[in-house]
Amino acid sequence: MAEHFGIKLFRYYLQKIKSFFLSKDILIFLLFFALSAGFWFVHALGKERETTISVPLRYVGVPPNIDITNNPPAVISLSVHDQGLQLLGYSRNGLHPMSIDLSRTFYQKGDIVITADQLAGRLKRYLKPTTSILEVHPDSILIQYEKLSTTVLPIKLNAKIEPAHQHIINGDILLDPSLVTVFGPKKLIESLKSISTEFIDLSNITDTATYVFKLKPIKSVRYSSKNIKVTICAEQFTEKKIQIPIQVLHCPVNFKLRTFPPVVEATFTVGLSHFNSFNPTDIQVYLDYNDIQKVNVTKQKLNIINGSKYISNLRISPQEVEFILEPTH
C-alpha cells in the first residue's frame, strides 16, 4: 500500500516539473537565453585574442642513406594573435604537419640549421594571413646527420607454403623485387649476406596468388623497400608414367655396356597445365661406367636427373639394373 502511494506521489511531482518547464513563460525565457548566449559567443569570437598553438613538424627530402643523429623537435610552440574566430579554426580543425624540406647536397657528415628567419618565413606561409606570430619556441632548428653505408642484398623468403590437397606448386616462387638496397653502419652492413622476410604460414593454396611480405626489420638498418610481392602458382596435379631409355656415360670406345632392361618406367607428378607439354628429355636416367669400375658387381643403381621445374615426386622402376660389358670388334 505504501509503495503504491509513493509511486503516485512521484508521478504527481514529475507532472508538476514537466508542466513548469513546458509552460509558455519558461519556453520564452529559454529561447531568449539561448539567443543572448549565441550573440555573446559571436561577439567574443570577433574580438582579437592571443593564444598558444602547437604545430607538428614533418621532415621530408632526406635520402634513405642519410641518418639523422640528433632529435630535432617534432612540434614547435607558437604564441599567436588573431580574431577569436580565426583562432578557433586552428583548434577545431586540427593542424596538419608543416613540412620541413631537407632536400640538398649531403656530405659524409654535417649539420643543417633552420634559422629563425627561415622558420618564420615557413610559418607565415603555413598560418592564415591574418594571424600574427608573437613568439616561436624553439626559434631555430638544428639537424645533425651522417651518411650510412650501402649495399645490395638478395631477399630470402621465410615462409611455410603448402598447397591444398591434390594441388602442386607450379614452377618457381617469384619475388618482386628479389634484391633490396640496404643502408646502415658499415660493420653491420658487411656482416649481412641476405635479408629475410617475416615468417608467414600459407596453407591450402589452390590457385595463382600474389602476397605482400614484410622484410624482417634489423635494428639500425634501413631498406629501399619495406615490402615485397611474392607470387605463388598453384594448380591441380595428376600422375604421369612414361618409358625412359637408360643412357650409358663414360664408356670406353672399345667396350659396349648393355643394361637389362634397356628402359625404365618413370612415374612423376605434373600440373595439369604441363601434362601435354612435358618433354621426355627433361628426365635423364643413366648408368655411369666410372661407377661400375669402382666395384665388382653385375648390378648397379641408376642415376636420375630431373631437368624440369614443373614435375615432382619423380621415381623410376626398376631403380637398379643388371649389366654386361662387352668388347667391341
C-alpha atoms as a PDB file:
ATOM      1  CA  MET A   1       0.000   0.000   0.000  1.00  0.00           C
ATOM      2  CA  ALA A   2       2.799   2.404   0.976  1.00  0.00           C
ATOM      3  CA  GLU A   3       4.706   1.514  -2.183  1.00  0.00           C
ATOM      4  CA  HIS A   4       1.650   2.321  -4.345  1.00  0.00           C
ATOM      5  CA  PHE A   5       1.291   5.697  -2.610  1.00  0.00           C
ATOM      6  CA  GLY A   6       4.991   6.501  -3.222  1.00  0.00           C
ATOM      7  CA  ILE A   7       4.626   5.818  -6.965  1.00  0.00           C
ATOM      8  CA  LYS A   8       1.590   8.095  -7.201  1.00  0.00           C
ATOM      9  CA  LEU A   9       3.447  10.856  -5.343  1.00  0.00           C
ATOM     10  CA  PHE A  10       6.445  10.554  -7.678  1.00  0.00           C
ATOM     11  CA  ARG A  11       4.210  10.779 -10.745  1.00  0.00           C
ATOM     12  CA  TYR A  12       2.477  13.854  -9.279  1.00  0.00           C
ATOM     13  CA  TYR A  13       5.724  15.814  -8.787  1.00  0.00           C
ATOM     14  CA  LEU A  14       7.055  14.651 -12.169  1.00  0.00           C
ATOM     15  CA  GLN A  15       3.947  16.049 -13.845  1.00  0.00           C
ATOM     16  CA  LYS A  16       4.385  19.375 -11.953  1.00  0.00           C
ATOM     17  CA  ILE A  17       8.008  19.696 -13.099  1.00  0.00           C
ATOM     18  CA  LYS A  18       7.061  18.833 -16.677  1.00  0.00           C
ATOM     19  CA  SER A  19       4.258  21.422 -16.675  1.00  0.00           C
ATOM     20  CA  PHE A  20       6.642  24.061 -15.263  1.00  0.00           C
ATOM     21  CA  PHE A  21       9.287  23.656 -17.990  1.00  0.00           C
ATOM     22  CA  LEU A  22       6.716  23.364 -20.776  1.00  0.00           C
ATOM     23  CA  SER A  23       4.880  26.490 -19.754  1.00  0.00           C
ATOM     24  CA  LYS A  24       4.821  29.405 -22.210  1.00  0.00           C
ATOM     25  CA  ASP A  25       6.804  31.771 -19.990  1.00  0.00           C
ATOM     26  CA  ILE A  26       9.598  29.297 -19.346  1.00  0.00           C
ATOM     27  CA  LEU A  27       9.908  28.437 -23.065  1.00  0.00           C
ATOM     28  CA  ILE A  28      10.156  32.107 -23.974  1.00  0.00           C
ATOM     29  CA  PHE A  29      12.778  32.633 -21.269  1.00  0.00           C
ATOM     30  CA  LEU A  30      14.871  29.699 -22.536  1.00  0.00           C
ATOM     31  CA  LEU A  31      14.597  30.947 -26.120  1.00  0.00           C
ATOM     32  CA  PHE A  32      15.861  34.421 -25.245  1.00  0.00           C
ATOM     33  CA  PHE A  33      18.563  32.934 -23.031  1.00  0.00           C
ATOM     34  CA  ALA A  34      19.847  30.802 -25.949  1.00  0.00           C
ATOM     35  CA  LEU A  35      19.771  33.778 -28.311  1.00  0.00           C
ATOM     36  CA  SER A  36      21.664  36.013 -25.916  1.00  0.00           C
ATOM     37  CA  ALA A  37      24.264  33.279 -25.327  1.00  0.00           C
ATOM     38  CA  GLY A  38      24.692  32.927 -29.080  1.00  0.00           C
ATOM     39  CA  PHE A  39      25.116  36.696 -29.576  1.00  0.00           C
ATOM     40  CA  TRP A  40      27.648  36.786 -26.739  1.00  0.00           C
ATOM     41  CA  PHE A  41      29.601  33.900 -28.279  1.00  0.00           C
ATOM     42  CA  VAL A  42      29.680  35.526 -31.735  1.00  0.00           C
ATOM     43  CA  HIS A  43      30.740  38.845 -30.206  1.00  0.00           C
ATOM     44  CA  ALA A  44      33.509  37.120 -28.278  1.00  0.00           C
ATOM     45  CA  LEU A  45      34.780  35.432 -31.445  1.00  0.00           C
ATOM     46  CA  GLY A  46      35.004  38.799 -33.187  1.00  0.00           C
ATOM     47  CA  LYS A  47      37.441  40.186 -30.629  1.00  0.00           C
ATOM     48  CA  GLU A  48      41.175  39.851 -31.126  1.00  0.00           C
ATOM     49  CA  ARG A  49      42.907  37.470 -28.767  1.00  0.00           C
ATOM     50  CA  GLU A  50      46.210  35.792 -28.068  1.00  0.00           C
ATOM     51  CA  THR A  51      46.698  32.066 -27.679  1.00  0.00           C
ATOM     52  CA  THR A  52      49.329  29.320 -27.948  1.00  0.00           C
ATOM     53  CA  ILE A  53      49.169  26.616 -30.604  1.00  0.00           C
ATOM     54  CA  SER A  54      51.409  23.624 -31.286  1.00  0.00           C
ATOM     55  CA  VAL A  55      52.438  22.951 -34.899  1.00  0.00           C
ATOM     56  CA  PRO A  56      53.553  19.375 -35.726  1.00  0.00           C
ATOM     57  CA  LEU A  57      56.613  19.109 -37.973  1.00  0.00           C
ATOM     58  CA  ARG A  58      57.396  16.624 -40.739  1.00  0.00           C
ATOM     59  CA  TYR A  59      60.923  16.387 -42.158  1.00  0.00           C
ATOM     60  CA  VAL A  60      60.946  15.441 -45.842  1.00  0.00           C
ATOM     61  CA  GLY A  61      63.543  15.137 -48.594  1.00  0.00           C
ATOM     62  CA  VAL A  62      66.006  13.048 -46.532  1.00  0.00           C
ATOM     63  CA  PRO A  63      67.596  10.304 -48.702  1.00  0.00           C
ATOM     64  CA  PRO A  64      67.463   6.752 -47.259  1.00  0.00           C
ATOM     65  CA  ASN A  65      71.254   6.661 -46.927  1.00  0.00           C
ATOM     66  CA  ILE A  66      71.231   9.659 -44.562  1.00  0.00           C
ATOM     67  CA  ASP A  67      70.723   9.131 -40.826  1.00  0.00           C
ATOM     68  CA  ILE A  68      69.554  11.973 -38.562  1.00  0.00           C
ATOM     69  CA  THR A  69      71.778  11.568 -35.492  1.00  0.00           C
ATOM     70  CA  ASN A  70      70.143  14.087 -33.142  1.00  0.00           C
ATOM     71  CA  ASN A  71      66.497  14.529 -32.149  1.00  0.00           C
ATOM     72  CA  PRO A  72      65.104  17.604 -33.918  1.00  0.00           C
ATOM     73  CA  PRO A  73      61.793  18.849 -32.466  1.00  0.00           C
ATOM     74  CA  ALA A  74      58.614  17.087 -33.577  1.00  0.00           C
ATOM     75  CA  VAL A  75      56.468  20.162 -32.738  1.00  0.00           C
ATOM     76  CA  ILE A  76      57.028  23.869 -32.284  1.00  0.00           C
ATOM     77  CA  SER A  77      55.025  26.090 -29.959  1.00  0.00           C
ATOM     78  CA  LEU A  78      53.649  29.400 -31.296  1.00  0.00           C
ATOM     79  CA  SER A  79      52.222  32.376 -29.439  1.00  0.00           C
ATOM     80  CA  VAL A  80      49.838  33.986 -31.956  1.00  0.00           C
ATOM     81  CA  HIS A  81      47.416  36.933 -32.193  1.00  0.00           C
ATOM     82  CA  ASP A  82      44.220  36.979 -34.275  1.00  0.00           C
ATOM     83  CA  GLN A  83      40.430  37.222 -34.104  1.00  0.00           C
ATOM     84  CA  GLY A  84      38.790  34.598 -31.914  1.00  0.00           C
ATOM     85  CA  LEU A  85      37.023  33.027 -34.883  1.00  0.00           C
ATOM     86  CA  GLN A  86      40.311  32.530 -36.732  1.00  0.00           C
ATOM     87  CA  LEU A  87      41.998  31.104 -33.650  1.00  0.00           C
ATOM     88  CA  LEU A  88      39.072  28.751 -33.127  1.00  0.00           C
ATOM     89  CA  GLY A  89      39.751  27.309 -36.581  1.00  0.00           C
ATOM     90  CA  TYR A  90      43.217  26.158 -35.522  1.00  0.00           C
ATOM     91  CA  SER A  91      41.882  24.123 -32.617  1.00  0.00           C
ATOM     92  CA  ARG A  92      38.627  22.976 -34.240  1.00  0.00           C
ATOM     93  CA  ASN A  93      40.081  21.599 -37.466  1.00  0.00           C
ATOM     94  CA  GLY A  94      43.356  20.416 -36.005  1.00  0.00           C
ATOM     95  CA  LEU A  95      46.707  21.267 -37.507  1.00  0.00           C
ATOM     96  CA  HIS A  96      48.248  19.207 -40.283  1.00  0.00           C
ATOM     97  CA  PRO A  97      52.046  18.782 -40.100  1.00  0.00           C
ATOM     98  CA  MET A  98      54.208  21.546 -41.531  1.00  0.00           C
ATOM     99  CA  SER A  99      56.803  20.075 -43.912  1.00  0.00           C
ATOM    100  CA  ILE A 100      60.465  20.956 -43.452  1.00  0.00           C
ATOM    101  CA  ASP A 101      62.143  20.165 -46.789  1.00  0.00           C
ATOM    102  CA  LEU A 102      65.716  18.976 -46.298  1.00  0.00           C
ATOM    103  CA  SER A 103      66.471  18.295 -49.983  1.00  0.00           C
ATOM    104  CA  ARG A 104      70.049  19.408 -50.583  1.00  0.00           C
ATOM    105  CA  THR A 105      73.581  18.094 -51.097  1.00  0.00           C
ATOM    106  CA  PHE A 106      74.547  15.854 -48.189  1.00  0.00           C
ATOM    107  CA  TYR A 107      78.144  15.288 -47.241  1.00  0.00           C
ATOM    108  CA  GLN A 108      79.635  12.436 -45.234  1.00  0.00           C
ATOM    109  CA  LYS A 109      78.675  14.224 -42.024  1.00  0.00           C
ATOM    110  CA  GLY A 110      77.311  17.635 -41.154  1.00  0.00           C
ATOM    111  CA  ASP A 111      74.723  19.983 -39.647  1.00  0.00           C
ATOM    112  CA  ILE A 112      71.642  21.641 -41.112  1.00  0.00           C
ATOM    113  CA  VAL A 113      70.343  24.776 -39.391  1.00  0.00           C
ATOM    114  CA  ILE A 114      66.849  26.171 -39.990  1.00  0.00           C
ATOM    115  CA  THR A 115      67.368  29.759 -38.816  1.00  0.00           C
ATOM    116  CA  ALA A 116      64.787  31.912 -37.049  1.00  0.00           C
ATOM    117  CA  ASP A 117      64.160  33.940 -40.231  1.00  0.00           C
ATOM    118  CA  GLN A 118      63.752  30.796 -42.365  1.00  0.00           C
ATOM    119  CA  LEU A 119      61.400  29.266 -39.813  1.00  0.00           C
ATOM    120  CA  ALA A 120      59.354  32.464 -39.565  1.00  0.00           C
ATOM    121  CA  GLY A 121      59.009  32.568 -43.357  1.00  0.00           C
ATOM    122  CA  ARG A 122      57.727  28.968 -43.448  1.00  0.00           C
ATOM    123  CA  LEU A 123      55.270  29.672 -40.625  1.00  0.00           C
ATOM    124  CA  LYS A 124      53.837  32.742 -42.364  1.00  0.00           C
ATOM    125  CA  ARG A 125      53.023  30.614 -45.415  1.00  0.00           C
ATOM    126  CA  TYR A 126      51.612  27.906 -43.148  1.00  0.00           C
ATOM    127  CA  LEU A 127      49.301  30.072 -40.987  1.00  0.00           C
ATOM    128  CA  LYS A 128      46.350  32.224 -42.047  1.00  0.00           C
ATOM    129  CA  PRO A 129      47.264  35.674 -43.460  1.00  0.00           C
ATOM    130  CA  THR A 130      45.550  37.484 -40.575  1.00  0.00           C
ATOM    131  CA  THR A 131      47.468  35.602 -37.878  1.00  0.00           C
ATOM    132  CA  SER A 132      50.412  37.420 -36.283  1.00  0.00           C
ATOM    133  CA  ILE A 133      53.255  35.427 -34.735  1.00  0.00           C
ATOM    134  CA  LEU A 134      54.326  36.810 -31.363  1.00  0.00           C
ATOM    135  CA  GLU A 135      56.801  34.159 -30.256  1.00  0.00           C
ATOM    136  CA  VAL A 136      58.235  30.855 -31.573  1.00  0.00           C
ATOM    137  CA  HIS A 137      59.743  28.129 -29.434  1.00  0.00           C
ATOM    138  CA  PRO A 138      62.221  26.885 -30.425  1.00  0.00           C
ATOM    139  CA  ASP A 139      63.026  29.765 -32.739  1.00  0.00           C
ATOM    140  CA  SER A 140      65.522  27.709 -34.822  1.00  0.00           C
ATOM    141  CA  ILE A 141      66.129  24.016 -35.582  1.00  0.00           C
ATOM    142  CA  LEU A 142      69.438  22.129 -35.650  1.00  0.00           C
ATOM    143  CA  ILE A 143      69.605  18.861 -37.598  1.00  0.00           C
ATOM    144  CA  GLN A 144      72.746  16.714 -37.429  1.00  0.00           C
ATOM    145  CA  TYR A 145      73.303  13.906 -39.944  1.00  0.00           C
ATOM    146  CA  GLU A 146      75.760  11.343 -41.253  1.00  0.00           C
ATOM    147  CA  LYS A 147      75.857   9.084 -44.298  1.00  0.00           C
ATOM    148  CA  LEU A 148      75.173   5.351 -43.996  1.00  0.00           C
ATOM    149  CA  SER A 149      76.953   2.538 -45.835  1.00  0.00           C
ATOM    150  CA  THR A 150      75.035   0.984 -48.709  1.00  0.00           C
ATOM    151  CA  THR A 151      74.900  -2.464 -50.297  1.00  0.00           C
ATOM    152  CA  VAL A 152      72.508  -4.574 -52.370  1.00  0.00           C
ATOM    153  CA  LEU A 153      71.480  -7.957 -50.934  1.00  0.00           C
ATOM    154  CA  PRO A 154      69.230 -10.806 -52.098  1.00  0.00           C
ATOM    155  CA  ILE A 155      65.900 -11.343 -50.355  1.00  0.00           C
ATOM    156  CA  LYS A 156      65.356 -14.702 -48.667  1.00  0.00           C
ATOM    157  CA  LEU A 157      61.776 -15.948 -48.397  1.00  0.00           C
ATOM    158  CA  ASN A 158      60.914 -17.186 -44.907  1.00  0.00           C
ATOM    159  CA  ALA A 159      57.595 -18.992 -45.240  1.00  0.00           C
ATOM    160  CA  LYS A 160      55.864 -22.317 -44.862  1.00  0.00           C
ATOM    161  CA  ILE A 161      53.991 -22.912 -48.109  1.00  0.00           C
ATOM    162  CA  GLU A 162      51.615 -25.836 -48.500  1.00  0.00           C
ATOM    163  CA  PRO A 163      49.295 -26.342 -51.473  1.00  0.00           C
ATOM    164  CA  ALA A 164      45.812 -27.729 -50.939  1.00  0.00           C
ATOM    165  CA  HIS A 165      45.056 -31.437 -51.337  1.00  0.00           C
ATOM    166  CA  GLN A 166      45.560 -32.663 -54.917  1.00  0.00           C
ATOM    167  CA  HIS A 167      47.397 -29.429 -55.789  1.00  0.00           C
ATOM    168  CA  ILE A 168      51.028 -28.645 -56.546  1.00  0.00           C
ATOM    169  CA  ILE A 169      53.244 -25.535 -56.544  1.00  0.00           C
ATOM    170  CA  ASN A 170      53.807 -24.947 -60.244  1.00  0.00           C
ATOM    171  CA  GLY A 171      57.247 -23.538 -61.050  1.00  0.00           C
ATOM    172  CA  ASP A 172      59.382 -21.073 -59.158  1.00  0.00           C
ATOM    173  CA  ILE A 173      58.087 -18.751 -56.450  1.00  0.00           C
ATOM    174  CA  LEU A 174      58.604 -15.211 -57.752  1.00  0.00           C
ATOM    175  CA  LEU A 175      59.879 -12.366 -55.556  1.00  0.00           C
ATOM    176  CA  ASP A 176      59.406  -8.765 -56.668  1.00  0.00           C
ATOM    177  CA  PRO A 177      61.876  -7.289 -56.036  1.00  0.00           C
ATOM    178  CA  SER A 178      64.352 -10.123 -55.465  1.00  0.00           C
ATOM    179  CA  LEU A 179      67.078  -7.674 -54.376  1.00  0.00           C
ATOM    180  CA  VAL A 180      66.923  -4.813 -51.890  1.00  0.00           C
ATOM    181  CA  THR A 181      69.241  -1.876 -51.215  1.00  0.00           C
ATOM    182  CA  VAL A 182      70.312  -1.861 -47.570  1.00  0.00           C
ATOM    183  CA  PHE A 183      71.546   1.171 -45.592  1.00  0.00           C
ATOM    184  CA  GLY A 184      73.247   1.051 -42.207  1.00  0.00           C
ATOM    185  CA  PRO A 185      76.500   1.178 -40.219  1.00  0.00           C
ATOM    186  CA  LYS A 186      79.417  -0.181 -42.237  1.00  0.00           C
ATOM    187  CA  LYS A 187      80.345  -3.083 -39.930  1.00  0.00           C
ATOM    188  CA  LEU A 188      76.756  -4.237 -39.642  1.00  0.00           C
ATOM    189  CA  ILE A 189      76.127  -3.987 -43.382  1.00  0.00           C
ATOM    190  CA  GLU A 190      79.260  -6.003 -44.187  1.00  0.00           C
ATOM    191  CA  SER A 191      78.107  -8.824 -41.884  1.00  0.00           C
ATOM    192  CA  LEU A 192      74.820  -9.335 -43.767  1.00  0.00           C
ATOM    193  CA  LYS A 193      74.543 -11.877 -46.594  1.00  0.00           C
ATOM    194  CA  SER A 194      70.811 -11.639 -47.297  1.00  0.00           C
ATOM    195  CA  ILE A 195      67.633 -10.036 -45.980  1.00  0.00           C
ATOM    196  CA  SER A 196      64.858 -12.316 -44.742  1.00  0.00           C
ATOM    197  CA  THR A 197      61.133 -11.742 -44.898  1.00  0.00           C
ATOM    198  CA  GLU A 198      58.989 -12.016 -41.811  1.00  0.00           C
ATOM    199  CA  PHE A 199      57.655 -15.550 -41.384  1.00  0.00           C
ATOM    200  CA  ILE A 200      54.269 -16.331 -42.926  1.00  0.00           C
ATOM    201  CA  ASP A 201      52.411 -19.643 -42.894  1.00  0.00           C
ATOM    202  CA  LEU A 202      50.475 -20.165 -46.144  1.00  0.00           C
ATOM    203  CA  SER A 203      48.367 -23.288 -46.488  1.00  0.00           C
ATOM    204  CA  ASN A 204      45.612 -24.679 -48.721  1.00  0.00           C
ATOM    205  CA  ILE A 205      46.806 -22.749 -51.785  1.00  0.00           C
ATOM    206  CA  THR A 206      44.647 -23.679 -54.782  1.00  0.00           C
ATOM    207  CA  ASP A 207      45.425 -21.066 -57.440  1.00  0.00           C
ATOM    208  CA  THR A 208      47.953 -18.453 -58.513  1.00  0.00           C
ATOM    209  CA  ALA A 209      48.050 -15.643 -55.973  1.00  0.00           C
ATOM    210  CA  THR A 210      50.254 -12.696 -55.035  1.00  0.00           C
ATOM    211  CA  TYR A 211      51.000 -11.931 -51.400  1.00  0.00           C
ATOM    212  CA  VAL A 212      52.717  -8.962 -49.734  1.00  0.00           C
ATOM    213  CA  PHE A 213      55.519  -9.937 -47.355  1.00  0.00           C
ATOM    214  CA  LYS A 214      57.236  -7.527 -44.976  1.00  0.00           C
ATOM    215  CA  LEU A 215      61.011  -7.579 -44.696  1.00  0.00           C
ATOM    216  CA  LYS A 216      62.245  -8.566 -41.265  1.00  0.00           C
ATOM    217  CA  PRO A 217      63.496  -5.399 -39.540  1.00  0.00           C
ATOM    218  CA  ILE A 218      67.083  -5.154 -38.325  1.00  0.00           C
ATOM    219  CA  LYS A 219      67.992  -2.516 -35.749  1.00  0.00           C
ATOM    220  CA  SER A 220      69.899   0.459 -37.243  1.00  0.00           C
ATOM    221  CA  VAL A 221      69.287  -0.853 -40.788  1.00  0.00           C
ATOM    222  CA  ARG A 222      67.010   0.618 -43.475  1.00  0.00           C
ATOM    223  CA  TYR A 223      65.717  -0.876 -46.701  1.00  0.00           C
ATOM    224  CA  SER A 224      64.917   0.752 -50.029  1.00  0.00           C
ATOM    225  CA  SER A 225      61.606  -1.126 -49.870  1.00  0.00           C
ATOM    226  CA  LYS A 226      59.884  -2.414 -46.728  1.00  0.00           C
ATOM    227  CA  ASN A 227      57.638  -4.897 -48.560  1.00  0.00           C
ATOM    228  CA  ILE A 228      57.956  -7.347 -51.434  1.00  0.00           C
ATOM    229  CA  LYS A 229      55.398  -9.107 -53.601  1.00  0.00           C
ATOM    230  CA  VAL A 230      55.507 -12.912 -53.608  1.00  0.00           C
ATOM    231  CA  THR A 231      53.716 -14.711 -56.448  1.00  0.00           C
ATOM    232  CA  ILE A 232      52.941 -18.400 -55.936  1.00  0.00           C
ATOM    233  CA  CYS A 233      51.476 -20.507 -58.742  1.00  0.00           C
ATOM    234  CA  ALA A 234      49.404 -23.499 -57.638  1.00  0.00           C
ATOM    235  CA  GLU A 235      47.225 -25.850 -59.652  1.00  0.00           C
ATOM    236  CA  GLN A 236      45.754 -29.331 -59.585  1.00  0.00           C
ATOM    237  CA  PHE A 237      48.137 -32.143 -60.465  1.00  0.00           C
ATOM    238  CA  THR A 238      47.971 -35.625 -61.886  1.00  0.00           C
ATOM    239  CA  GLU A 239      50.364 -38.558 -62.071  1.00  0.00           C
ATOM    240  CA  LYS A 240      52.053 -39.481 -65.328  1.00  0.00           C
ATOM    241  CA  LYS A 241      54.075 -42.519 -66.401  1.00  0.00           C
ATOM    242  CA  ILE A 242      56.486 -42.711 -69.348  1.00  0.00           C
ATOM    243  CA  GLN A 243      59.229 -45.050 -70.596  1.00  0.00           C
ATOM    244  CA  ILE A 244      62.738 -43.588 -70.346  1.00  0.00           C
ATOM    245  CA  PRO A 245      65.746 -45.217 -72.120  1.00  0.00           C
ATOM    246  CA  ILE A 246      68.813 -45.797 -69.967  1.00  0.00           C
ATOM    247  CA  GLN A 247      71.865 -43.812 -71.099  1.00  0.00           C
ATOM    248  CA  VAL A 248      75.427 -45.030 -70.637  1.00  0.00           C
ATOM    249  CA  LEU A 249      78.101 -42.466 -69.778  1.00  0.00           C
ATOM    250  CA  HIS A 250      81.900 -42.530 -69.976  1.00  0.00           C
ATOM    251  CA  CYS A 251      82.119 -45.973 -71.533  1.00  0.00           C
ATOM    252  CA  PRO A 252      85.423 -46.568 -73.408  1.00  0.00           C
ATOM    253  CA  VAL A 253      85.104 -46.789 -77.198  1.00  0.00           C
ATOM    254  CA  ASN A 254      86.420 -50.361 -77.244  1.00  0.00           C
ATOM    255  CA  PHE A 255      83.621 -51.579 -74.922  1.00  0.00           C
ATOM    256  CA  LYS A 256      79.859 -51.682 -75.062  1.00  0.00           C
ATOM    257  CA  LEU A 257      77.782 -51.573 -71.882  1.00  0.00           C
ATOM    258  CA  ARG A 258      74.369 -53.246 -72.061  1.00  0.00           C
ATOM    259  CA  THR A 259      71.681 -52.890 -69.389  1.00  0.00           C
ATOM    260  CA  PHE A 260      68.822 -55.224 -68.596  1.00  0.00           C
ATOM    261  CA  PRO A 261      66.218 -53.849 -69.064  1.00  0.00           C
ATOM    262  CA  PRO A 262      67.299 -51.087 -71.508  1.00  0.00           C
ATOM    263  CA  VAL A 263      64.442 -48.803 -70.380  1.00  0.00           C
ATOM    264  CA  VAL A 264      62.760 -47.896 -67.078  1.00  0.00           C
ATOM    265  CA  GLU A 265      59.305 -46.635 -66.213  1.00  0.00           C
ATOM    266  CA  ALA A 266      59.325 -43.128 -64.733  1.00  0.00           C
ATOM    267  CA  THR A 267      56.400 -42.020 -62.554  1.00  0.00           C
ATOM    268  CA  PHE A 268      56.022 -38.418 -61.505  1.00  0.00           C
ATOM    269  CA  THR A 269      53.584 -35.669 -60.523  1.00  0.00           C
ATOM    270  CA  VAL A 270      52.898 -32.855 -63.001  1.00  0.00           C
ATOM    271  CA  GLY A 271      50.491 -29.918 -63.065  1.00  0.00           C
ATOM    272  CA  LEU A 272      47.540 -30.169 -65.430  1.00  0.00           C
ATOM    273  CA  SER A 273      48.728 -27.198 -67.486  1.00  0.00           C
ATOM    274  CA  HIS A 274      52.013 -29.009 -68.304  1.00  0.00           C
ATOM    275  CA  PHE A 275      50.657 -32.518 -68.713  1.00  0.00           C
ATOM    276  CA  ASN A 276      50.757 -32.495 -72.537  1.00  0.00           C
ATOM    277  CA  SER A 277      53.697 -30.111 -72.948  1.00  0.00           C
ATOM    278  CA  PHE A 278      56.090 -32.294 -70.942  1.00  0.00           C
ATOM    279  CA  ASN A 279      59.322 -33.125 -72.812  1.00  0.00           C
ATOM    280  CA  PRO A 280      60.666 -36.669 -72.122  1.00  0.00           C
ATOM    281  CA  THR A 281      64.242 -35.364 -72.465  1.00  0.00           C
ATOM    282  CA  ASP A 282      63.706 -33.394 -69.234  1.00  0.00           C
ATOM    283  CA  ILE A 283      64.276 -36.657 -67.353  1.00  0.00           C
ATOM    284  CA  GLN A 284      67.587 -38.457 -67.767  1.00  0.00           C
ATOM    285  CA  VAL A 285      68.307 -41.918 -66.401  1.00  0.00           C
ATOM    286  CA  TYR A 286      71.871 -43.133 -66.787  1.00  0.00           C
ATOM    287  CA  LEU A 287      74.463 -45.684 -65.757  1.00  0.00           C
ATOM    288  CA  ASP A 288      77.983 -44.322 -65.327  1.00  0.00           C
ATOM    289  CA  TYR A 289      80.841 -46.596 -66.401  1.00  0.00           C
ATOM    290  CA  ASN A 290      83.101 -44.929 -63.818  1.00  0.00           C
ATOM    291  CA  ASP A 291      80.757 -46.119 -61.042  1.00  0.00           C
ATOM    292  CA  ILE A 292      80.886 -49.782 -62.011  1.00  0.00           C
ATOM    293  CA  GLN A 293      84.679 -49.662 -62.312  1.00  0.00           C
ATOM    294  CA  LYS A 294      84.942 -48.982 -58.585  1.00  0.00           C
ATOM    295  CA  VAL A 295      83.126 -52.155 -57.511  1.00  0.00           C
ATOM    296  CA  ASN A 296      82.999 -55.705 -58.777  1.00  0.00           C
ATOM    297  CA  VAL A 297      79.254 -56.149 -59.276  1.00  0.00           C
ATOM    298  CA  THR A 298      76.833 -57.051 -62.070  1.00  0.00           C
ATOM    299  CA  LYS A 299      74.002 -54.934 -60.787  1.00  0.00           C
ATOM    300  CA  GLN A 300      74.098 -51.153 -60.326  1.00  0.00           C
ATOM    301  CA  LYS A 301      71.747 -48.429 -59.069  1.00  0.00           C
ATOM    302  CA  LEU A 302      70.714 -45.918 -61.737  1.00  0.00           C
ATOM    303  CA  ASN A 303      71.225 -42.158 -61.558  1.00  0.00           C
ATOM    304  CA  ILE A 304      68.345 -39.732 -62.237  1.00  0.00           C
ATOM    305  CA  ILE A 305      68.378 -36.104 -63.397  1.00  0.00           C
ATOM    306  CA  ASN A 306      65.150 -34.088 -63.221  1.00  0.00           C
ATOM    307  CA  GLY A 307      65.546 -31.201 -65.655  1.00  0.00           C
ATOM    308  CA  SER A 308      62.039 -29.767 -65.267  1.00  0.00           C
ATOM    309  CA  LYS A 309      60.790 -27.470 -62.508  1.00  0.00           C
ATOM    310  CA  TYR A 310      57.211 -28.475 -63.302  1.00  0.00           C
ATOM    311  CA  ILE A 311      57.448 -32.094 -62.199  1.00  0.00           C
ATOM    312  CA  SER A 312      57.977 -33.540 -58.729  1.00  0.00           C
ATOM    313  CA  ASN A 313      57.889 -36.788 -56.775  1.00  0.00           C
ATOM    314  CA  LEU A 314      59.931 -38.445 -59.524  1.00  0.00           C
ATOM    315  CA  ARG A 315      60.660 -42.172 -59.154  1.00  0.00           C
ATOM    316  CA  ILE A 316      61.703 -44.966 -61.519  1.00  0.00           C
ATOM    317  CA  SER A 317      61.174 -48.701 -61.711  1.00  0.00           C
ATOM    318  CA  PRO A 318      63.437 -50.580 -61.563  1.00  0.00           C
ATOM    319  CA  GLN A 319      65.864 -48.475 -59.556  1.00  0.00           C
ATOM    320  CA  GLU A 320      68.816 -50.730 -60.347  1.00  0.00           C
ATOM    321  CA  VAL A 321      69.613 -52.885 -63.368  1.00  0.00           C
ATOM    322  CA  GLU A 322      71.890 -55.737 -64.362  1.00  0.00           C
ATOM    323  CA  PHE A 323      74.510 -55.057 -66.985  1.00  0.00           C
ATOM    324  CA  ILE A 324      77.232 -56.730 -69.035  1.00  0.00           C
ATOM    325  CA  LEU A 325      80.358 -55.177 -70.516  1.00  0.00           C
ATOM    326  CA  GLU A 326      81.264 -56.432 -73.985  1.00  0.00           C
ATOM    327  CA  PRO A 327      84.358 -55.637 -76.064  1.00  0.00           C
ATOM    328  CA  THR A 328      83.665 -54.160 -79.475  1.00  0.00           C
ATOM    329  CA  HIS A 329      85.285 -55.641 -82.607  1.00  0.00           C
END
